[in-house]
Amino acid sequence: MNDLLSRVAVLLTTRFGVPKEEFGADVTLADLDLDSLSLVEFGLVAEKEFGVQIGEDEISPKDTVEDLVRLIADKGVAA
């Protein structure tokens, strides 16, 4: 698992209560029970953790964890 994926995994498990056994790069955010409100909150947490802004229109429950990692990486955070 790359460093950025690991950091996202830690955030999702510790801050959003995602069980480690459910986590995977190809799992959708909806499968992890992250609704639109949770994703807005993730955007705020990502700003503190990664120094990037993620707008509520940039992620959806249909996105996978890998999509989320790619979005953060595309904003300049090293993987």
PDB file of N, CA and C in Angstrom:
ATOM      1  N   MET A   1       0.853  -1.172   0.000  1.00  0.00           N
ATOM      2  CA  MET A   1       0.000   0.000   0.000  1.00  0.00           C
ATOM      3  C   MET A   1       0.899   1.235   0.000  1.00  0.00           C
ATOM      4  N   ASN A   2       0.643   2.157  -0.911  1.00  0.00           N
ATOM      5  CA  ASN A   2       1.490   3.340  -0.952  1.00  0.00           C
ATOM      6  C   ASN A   2       1.206   4.248   0.242  1.00  0.00           C
ATOM      7  N   ASP A   3       2.102   5.194   0.468  1.00  0.00           N
ATOM      8  CA  ASP A   3       2.016   6.055   1.643  1.00  0.00           C
ATOM      9  C   ASP A   3       0.726   6.860   1.695  1.00  0.00           C
ATOM     10  N   LEU A   4       0.318   7.432   0.583  1.00  0.00           N
ATOM     11  CA  LEU A   4      -0.904   8.238   0.566  1.00  0.00           C
ATOM     12  C   LEU A   4      -2.133   7.380   0.850  1.00  0.00           C
ATOM     13  N   LEU A   5      -2.183   6.213   0.258  1.00  0.00           N
ATOM     14  CA  LEU A   5      -3.290   5.290   0.524  1.00  0.00           C
ATOM     15  C   LEU A   5      -3.304   4.904   2.002  1.00  0.00           C
ATOM     16  N   SER A   6      -2.136   4.688   2.579  1.00  0.00           N
ATOM     17  CA  SER A   6      -2.038   4.356   4.003  1.00  0.00           C
ATOM     18  C   SER A   6      -2.554   5.499   4.865  1.00  0.00           C
ATOM     19  N   ARG A   7      -2.198   6.720   4.501  1.00  0.00           N
ATOM     20  CA  ARG A   7      -2.647   7.889   5.272  1.00  0.00           C
ATOM     21  C   ARG A   7      -4.167   8.054   5.190  1.00  0.00           C
ATOM     22  N   VAL A   8      -4.726   7.828   4.000  1.00  0.00           N
ATOM     23  CA  VAL A   8      -6.181   7.896   3.842  1.00  0.00           C
ATOM     24  C   VAL A   8      -6.835   6.783   4.656  1.00  0.00           C
ATOM     25  N   ALA A   9      -6.248   5.595   4.649  1.00  0.00           N
ATOM     26  CA  ALA A   9      -6.777   4.473   5.427  1.00  0.00           C
ATOM     27  C   ALA A   9      -6.832   4.818   6.911  1.00  0.00           C
ATOM     28  N   VAL A  10      -5.774   5.423   7.414  1.00  0.00           N
ATOM     29  CA  VAL A  10      -5.744   5.808   8.829  1.00  0.00           C
ATOM     30  C   VAL A  10      -6.841   6.821   9.128  1.00  0.00           C
ATOM     31  N   LEU A  11      -6.996   7.816   8.253  1.00  0.00           N
ATOM     32  CA  LEU A  11      -8.055   8.810   8.462  1.00  0.00           C
ATOM     33  C   LEU A  11      -9.439   8.165   8.466  1.00  0.00           C
ATOM     34  N   LEU A  12      -9.683   7.317   7.488  1.00  0.00           N
ATOM     35  CA  LEU A  12     -11.006   6.715   7.382  1.00  0.00           C
ATOM     36  C   LEU A  12     -11.305   5.779   8.547  1.00  0.00           C
ATOM     37  N   THR A  13     -10.306   5.076   9.036  1.00  0.00           N
ATOM     38  CA  THR A  13     -10.546   4.151  10.138  1.00  0.00           C
ATOM     39  C   THR A  13     -10.613   4.871  11.488  1.00  0.00           C
ATOM     40  N   THR A  14      -9.761   5.863  11.697  1.00  0.00           N
ATOM     41  CA  THR A  14      -9.735   6.523  13.001  1.00  0.00           C
ATOM     42  C   THR A  14     -10.753   7.650  13.131  1.00  0.00           C
ATOM     43  N   ARG A  15     -10.950   8.418  12.081  1.00  0.00           N
ATOM     44  CA  ARG A  15     -11.838   9.584  12.174  1.00  0.00           C
ATOM     45  C   ARG A  15     -13.272   9.286  11.730  1.00  0.00           C
ATOM     46  N   PHE A  16     -13.436   8.282  10.875  1.00  0.00           N
ATOM     47  CA  PHE A  16     -14.762   8.013  10.335  1.00  0.00           C
ATOM     48  C   PHE A  16     -15.290   6.627  10.688  1.00  0.00           C
ATOM     49  N   GLY A  17     -14.558   5.889  11.508  1.00  0.00           N
ATOM     50  CA  GLY A  17     -15.030   4.610  12.010  1.00  0.00           C
ATOM     51  C   GLY A  17     -15.133   3.487  11.001  1.00  0.00           C
ATOM     52  N   VAL A  18     -14.399   3.587   9.900  1.00  0.00           N
ATOM     53  CA  VAL A  18     -14.420   2.518   8.902  1.00  0.00           C
ATOM     54  C   VAL A  18     -13.633   1.330   9.448  1.00  0.00           C
ATOM     55  N   PRO A  19     -14.261   0.154   9.542  1.00  0.00           N
ATOM     56  CA  PRO A  19     -13.528  -1.024  10.012  1.00  0.00           C
ATOM     57  C   PRO A  19     -12.388  -1.383   9.048  1.00  0.00           C
ATOM     58  N   LYS A  20     -11.233  -1.698   9.600  1.00  0.00           N
ATOM     59  CA  LYS A  20     -10.056  -2.012   8.773  1.00  0.00           C
ATOM     60  C   LYS A  20     -10.325  -3.139   7.794  1.00  0.00           C
ATOM     61  N   GLU A  21     -11.109  -4.118   8.207  1.00  0.00           N
ATOM     62  CA  GLU A  21     -11.362  -5.265   7.323  1.00  0.00           C
ATOM     63  C   GLU A  21     -12.245  -4.905   6.127  1.00  0.00           C
ATOM     64  N   GLU A  22     -12.945  -3.789   6.180  1.00  0.00           N
ATOM     65  CA  GLU A  22     -13.767  -3.350   5.054  1.00  0.00           C
ATOM     66  C   GLU A  22     -13.005  -2.451   4.091  1.00  0.00           C
ATOM     67  N   PHE A  23     -11.845  -1.968   4.513  1.00  0.00           N
ATOM     68  CA  PHE A  23     -11.092  -1.009   3.723  1.00  0.00           C
ATOM     69  C   PHE A  23     -10.376  -1.693   2.563  1.00  0.00           C
ATOM     70  N   GLY A  24     -10.413  -1.038   1.401  1.00  0.00           N
ATOM     71  CA  GLY A  24      -9.690  -1.508   0.228  1.00  0.00           C
ATOM     72  C   GLY A  24      -9.709  -0.424  -0.824  1.00  0.00           C
ATOM     73  N   ALA A  25      -8.719  -0.405  -1.687  1.00  0.00           N
ATOM     74  CA  ALA A  25      -8.607   0.642  -2.702  1.00  0.00           C
ATOM     75  C   ALA A  25      -9.790   0.647  -3.664  1.00  0.00           C
ATOM     76  N   ASP A  26     -10.387  -0.514  -3.911  1.00  0.00           N
ATOM     77  CA  ASP A  26     -11.465  -0.601  -4.891  1.00  0.00           C
ATOM     78  C   ASP A  26     -12.861  -0.543  -4.276  1.00  0.00           C
ATOM     79  N   VAL A  27     -12.939  -0.284  -2.985  1.00  0.00           N
ATOM     80  CA  VAL A  27     -14.214  -0.196  -2.285  1.00  0.00           C
ATOM     81  C   VAL A  27     -14.779   1.219  -2.453  1.00  0.00           C
ATOM     82  N   THR A  28     -16.084   1.323  -2.720  1.00  0.00           N
ATOM     83  CA  THR A  28     -16.670   2.654  -2.860  1.00  0.00           C
ATOM     84  C   THR A  28     -16.861   3.289  -1.484  1.00  0.00           C
ATOM     85  N   LEU A  29     -16.936   4.601  -1.493  1.00  0.00           N
ATOM     86  CA  LEU A  29     -17.144   5.320  -0.246  1.00  0.00           C
ATOM     87  C   LEU A  29     -18.524   5.002   0.329  1.00  0.00           C
ATOM     88  N   ALA A  30     -19.505   4.747  -0.531  1.00  0.00           N
ATOM     89  CA  ALA A  30     -20.836   4.340  -0.074  1.00  0.00           C
ATOM     90  C   ALA A  30     -20.764   2.984   0.631  1.00  0.00           C
ATOM     91  N   ASP A  31     -19.941   2.060   0.106  1.00  0.00           N
ATOM     92  CA  ASP A  31     -19.776   0.753   0.739  1.00  0.00           C
ATOM     93  C   ASP A  31     -19.196   0.884   2.149  1.00  0.00           C
ATOM     94  N   LEU A  32     -18.474   1.976   2.378  1.00  0.00           N
ATOM     95  CA  LEU A  32     -17.891   2.239   3.696  1.00  0.00           C
ATOM     96  C   LEU A  32     -18.834   3.068   4.562  1.00  0.00           C
ATOM     97  N   ASP A  33     -20.074   3.219   4.099  1.00  0.00           N
ATOM     98  CA  ASP A  33     -21.115   3.979   4.801  1.00  0.00           C
ATOM     99  C   ASP A  33     -20.775   5.453   4.959  1.00  0.00           C
ATOM    100  N   LEU A  34     -20.053   6.003   3.975  1.00  0.00           N
ATOM    101  CA  LEU A  34     -19.759   7.434   3.970  1.00  0.00           C
ATOM    102  C   LEU A  34     -20.772   8.125   3.069  1.00  0.00           C
ATOM    103  N   ASP A  35     -21.649   8.901   3.668  1.00  0.00           N
ATOM    104  CA  ASP A  35     -22.653   9.633   2.902  1.00  0.00           C
ATOM    105  C   ASP A  35     -22.111  11.007   2.522  1.00  0.00           C
ATOM    106  N   SER A  36     -22.939  11.791   1.875  1.00  0.00           N
ATOM    107  CA  SER A  36     -22.507  13.109   1.393  1.00  0.00           C
ATOM    108  C   SER A  36     -22.015  13.999   2.531  1.00  0.00           C
ATOM    109  N   LEU A  37     -22.667  13.954   3.673  1.00  0.00           N
ATOM    110  CA  LEU A  37     -22.243  14.760   4.816  1.00  0.00           C
ATOM    111  C   LEU A  37     -20.869  14.316   5.317  1.00  0.00           C
ATOM    112  N   SER A  38     -20.638  13.019   5.370  1.00  0.00           N
ATOM    113  CA  SER A  38     -19.327  12.494   5.781  1.00  0.00           C
ATOM    114  C   SER A  38     -18.238  12.936   4.819  1.00  0.00           C
ATOM    115  N   LEU A  39     -18.575  13.012   3.539  1.00  0.00           N
ATOM    116  CA  LEU A  39     -17.584  13.410   2.546  1.00  0.00           C
ATOM    117  C   LEU A  39     -17.238  14.894   2.652  1.00  0.00           C
ATOM    118  N   VAL A  40     -18.211  15.714   3.024  1.00  0.00           N
ATOM    119  CA  VAL A  40     -17.922  17.122   3.282  1.00  0.00           C
ATOM    120  C   VAL A  40     -16.967  17.220   4.476  1.00  0.00           C
ATOM    121  N   GLU A  41     -17.255  16.441   5.499  1.00  0.00           N
ATOM    122  CA  GLU A  41     -16.378  16.416   6.674  1.00  0.00           C
ATOM    123  C   GLU A  41     -14.984  15.908   6.289  1.00  0.00           C
ATOM    124  N   PHE A  42     -14.925  14.900   5.421  1.00  0.00           N
ATOM    125  CA  PHE A  42     -13.619  14.409   4.965  1.00  0.00           C
ATOM    126  C   PHE A  42     -12.849  15.527   4.279  1.00  0.00           C
ATOM    127  N   GLY A  43     -13.526  16.332   3.485  1.00  0.00           N
ATOM    128  CA  GLY A  43     -12.874  17.461   2.823  1.00  0.00           C
ATOM    129  C   GLY A  43     -12.224  18.401   3.820  1.00  0.00           C
ATOM    130  N   LEU A  44     -12.889  18.656   4.934  1.00  0.00           N
ATOM    131  CA  LEU A  44     -12.334  19.523   5.982  1.00  0.00           C
ATOM    132  C   LEU A  44     -11.136  18.864   6.656  1.00  0.00           C
ATOM    133  N   VAL A  45     -11.243  17.585   6.909  1.00  0.00           N
ATOM    134  CA  VAL A  45     -10.145  16.842   7.531  1.00  0.00           C
ATOM    135  C   VAL A  45      -8.951  16.783   6.573  1.00  0.00           C
ATOM    136  N   ALA A  46      -9.213  16.584   5.286  1.00  0.00           N
ATOM    137  CA  ALA A  46      -8.146  16.510   4.281  1.00  0.00           C
ATOM    138  C   ALA A  46      -7.382  17.825   4.196  1.00  0.00           C
ATOM    139  N   GLU A  47      -8.098  18.927   4.374  1.00  0.00           N
ATOM    140  CA  GLU A  47      -7.430  20.225   4.332  1.00  0.00           C
ATOM    141  C   GLU A  47      -6.392  20.334   5.453  1.00  0.00           C
ATOM    142  N   LYS A  48      -6.759  19.852   6.627  1.00  0.00           N
ATOM    143  CA  LYS A  48      -5.818  19.874   7.755  1.00  0.00           C
ATOM    144  C   LYS A  48      -4.700  18.844   7.574  1.00  0.00           C
ATOM    145  N   GLU A  49      -5.054  17.651   7.162  1.00  0.00           N
ATOM    146  CA  GLU A  49      -4.098  16.544   7.064  1.00  0.00           C
ATOM    147  C   GLU A  49      -3.150  16.668   5.880  1.00  0.00           C
ATOM    148  N   PHE A  50      -3.695  17.040   4.716  1.00  0.00           N
ATOM    149  CA  PHE A  50      -2.910  17.035   3.487  1.00  0.00           C
ATOM    150  C   PHE A  50      -2.615  18.421   2.935  1.00  0.00           C
ATOM    151  N   GLY A  51      -3.276  19.435   3.480  1.00  0.00           N
ATOM    152  CA  GLY A  51      -3.060  20.790   2.988  1.00  0.00           C
ATOM    153  C   GLY A  51      -3.704  21.066   1.642  1.00  0.00           C
ATOM    154  N   VAL A  52      -4.769  20.332   1.330  1.00  0.00           N
ATOM    155  CA  VAL A  52      -5.483  20.539   0.066  1.00  0.00           C
ATOM    156  C   VAL A  52      -6.966  20.748   0.349  1.00  0.00           C
ATOM    157  N   GLN A  53      -7.602  21.483  -0.523  1.00  0.00           N
ATOM    158  CA  GLN A  53      -9.043  21.672  -0.411  1.00  0.00           C
ATOM    159  C   GLN A  53      -9.755  20.708  -1.346  1.00  0.00           C
ATOM    160  N   ILE A  54     -10.739  20.024  -0.792  1.00  0.00           N
ATOM    161  CA  ILE A  54     -11.565  19.119  -1.588  1.00  0.00           C
ATOM    162  C   ILE A  54     -12.989  19.623  -1.483  1.00  0.00           C
ATOM    163  N   GLY A  55     -13.512  20.096  -2.598  1.00  0.00           N
ATOM    164  CA  GLY A  55     -14.880  20.604  -2.623  1.00  0.00           C
ATOM    165  C   GLY A  55     -15.889  19.483  -2.575  1.00  0.00           C
ATOM    166  N   GLU A  56     -17.063  19.811  -2.064  1.00  0.00           N
ATOM    167  CA  GLU A  56     -18.100  18.786  -1.942  1.00  0.00           C
ATOM    168  C   GLU A  56     -18.544  18.239  -3.290  1.00  0.00           C
ATOM    169  N   ASP A  57     -18.273  18.977  -4.367  1.00  0.00           N
ATOM    170  CA  ASP A  57     -18.637  18.504  -5.704  1.00  0.00           C
ATOM    171  C   ASP A  57     -17.534  17.656  -6.343  1.00  0.00           C
ATOM    172  N   GLU A  58     -16.413  17.486  -5.647  1.00  0.00           N
ATOM    173  CA  GLU A  58     -15.293  16.718  -6.212  1.00  0.00           C
ATOM    174  C   GLU A  58     -15.319  15.240  -5.852  1.00  0.00           C
ATOM    175  N   ILE A  59     -16.062  14.892  -4.822  1.00  0.00           N
ATOM    176  CA  ILE A  59     -16.155  13.480  -4.439  1.00  0.00           C
ATOM    177  C   ILE A  59     -17.608  13.116  -4.186  1.00  0.00           C
ATOM    178  N   SER A  60     -17.912  11.852  -4.421  1.00  0.00           N
ATOM    179  CA  SER A  60     -19.270  11.370  -4.180  1.00  0.00           C
ATOM    180  C   SER A  60     -19.187   9.972  -3.567  1.00  0.00           C
ATOM    181  N   PRO A  61     -20.275   9.521  -2.971  1.00  0.00           N
ATOM    182  CA  PRO A  61     -20.282   8.174  -2.398  1.00  0.00           C
ATOM    183  C   PRO A  61     -19.986   7.071  -3.420  1.00  0.00           C
ATOM    184  N   LYS A  62     -20.173   7.365  -4.714  1.00  0.00           N
ATOM    185  CA  LYS A  62     -19.909   6.366  -5.756  1.00  0.00           C
ATOM    186  C   LYS A  62     -18.421   6.195  -6.050  1.00  0.00           C
ATOM    187  N   ASP A  63     -17.598   7.162  -5.618  1.00  0.00           N
ATOM    188  CA  ASP A  63     -16.151   7.080  -5.844  1.00  0.00           C
ATOM    189  C   ASP A  63     -15.541   5.974  -4.996  1.00  0.00           C
ATOM    190  N   THR A  64     -14.446   5.417  -5.496  1.00  0.00           N
ATOM    191  CA  THR A  64     -13.710   4.421  -4.721  1.00  0.00           C
ATOM    192  C   THR A  64     -12.657   5.116  -3.860  1.00  0.00           C
ATOM    193  N   VAL A  65     -12.101   4.366  -2.949  1.00  0.00           N
ATOM    194  CA  VAL A  65     -11.005   4.887  -2.124  1.00  0.00           C
ATOM    195  C   VAL A  65      -9.848   5.294  -3.035  1.00  0.00           C
ATOM    196  N   GLU A  66      -9.576   4.512  -4.060  1.00  0.00           N
ATOM    197  CA  GLU A  66      -8.498   4.836  -5.002  1.00  0.00           C
ATOM    198  C   GLU A  66      -8.784   6.147  -5.730  1.00  0.00           C
ATOM    199  N   ASP A  67     -10.044   6.389  -6.079  1.00  0.00           N
ATOM    200  CA  ASP A  67     -10.417   7.670  -6.691  1.00  0.00           C
ATOM    201  C   ASP A  67     -10.092   8.825  -5.744  1.00  0.00           C
ATOM    202  N   LEU A  68     -10.373   8.625  -4.476  1.00  0.00           N
ATOM    203  CA  LEU A  68     -10.099   9.645  -3.467  1.00  0.00           C
ATOM    204  C   LEU A  68      -8.597   9.897  -3.335  1.00  0.00           C
ATOM    205  N   VAL A  69      -7.828   8.825  -3.311  1.00  0.00           N
ATOM    206  CA  VAL A  69      -6.364   8.945  -3.236  1.00  0.00           C
ATOM    207  C   VAL A  69      -5.834   9.660  -4.474  1.00  0.00           C
ATOM    208  N   ARG A  70      -6.346   9.310  -5.646  1.00  0.00           N
ATOM    209  CA  ARG A  70      -5.915   9.942  -6.895  1.00  0.00           C
ATOM    210  C   ARG A  70      -6.237  11.440  -6.886  1.00  0.00           C
ATOM    211  N   LEU A  71      -7.407  11.800  -6.371  1.00  0.00           N
ATOM    212  CA  LEU A  71      -7.799  13.208  -6.290  1.00  0.00           C
ATOM    213  C   LEU A  71      -6.822  13.984  -5.404  1.00  0.00           C
ATOM    214  N   ILE A  72      -6.477  13.422  -4.269  1.00  0.00           N
ATOM    215  CA  ILE A  72      -5.535  14.072  -3.350  1.00  0.00           C
ATOM    216  C   ILE A  72      -4.180  14.177  -4.016  1.00  0.00           C
ATOM    217  N   ALA A  73      -3.738  13.132  -4.682  1.00  0.00           N
ATOM    218  CA  ALA A  73      -2.439  13.156  -5.371  1.00  0.00           C
ATOM    219  C   ALA A  73      -2.433  14.191  -6.496  1.00  0.00           C
ATOM    220  N   ASP A  74      -3.541  14.297  -7.227  1.00  0.00           N
ATOM    221  CA  ASP A  74      -3.640  15.271  -8.317  1.00  0.00           C
ATOM    222  C   ASP A  74      -3.561  16.711  -7.809  1.00  0.00           C
ATOM    223  N   LYS A  75      -3.842  16.889  -6.543  1.00  0.00           N
ATOM    224  CA  LYS A  75      -3.760  18.221  -5.941  1.00  0.00           C
ATOM    225  C   LYS A  75      -2.347  18.530  -5.430  1.00  0.00           C
ATOM    226  N   GLY A  76      -1.417  17.606  -5.692  1.00  0.00           N
ATOM    227  CA  GLY A  76      -0.015  17.866  -5.384  1.00  0.00           C
ATOM    228  C   GLY A  76       0.539  17.178  -4.163  1.00  0.00           C
ATOM    229  N   VAL A  77      -0.235  16.319  -3.526  1.00  0.00           N
ATOM    230  CA  VAL A  77       0.260  15.587  -2.362  1.00  0.00           C
ATOM    231  C   VAL A  77       1.007  14.360  -2.847  1.00  0.00           C
ATOM    232  N   ALA A  78       2.236  14.189  -2.375  1.00  0.00           N
ATOM    233  CA  ALA A  78       3.069  13.067  -2.810  1.00  0.00           C
ATOM    234  C   ALA A  78       2.475  11.742  -2.332  1.00  0.00           C
ATOM    235  N   ALA A  79       2.483  10.772  -3.233  1.00  0.00           N
ATOM    236  CA  ALA A  79       1.955   9.443  -2.914  1.00  0.00           C
ATOM    237  C   ALA A  79       2.895   8.604  -2.106  1.00  0.00           C
TER     238      ALA A  79
END
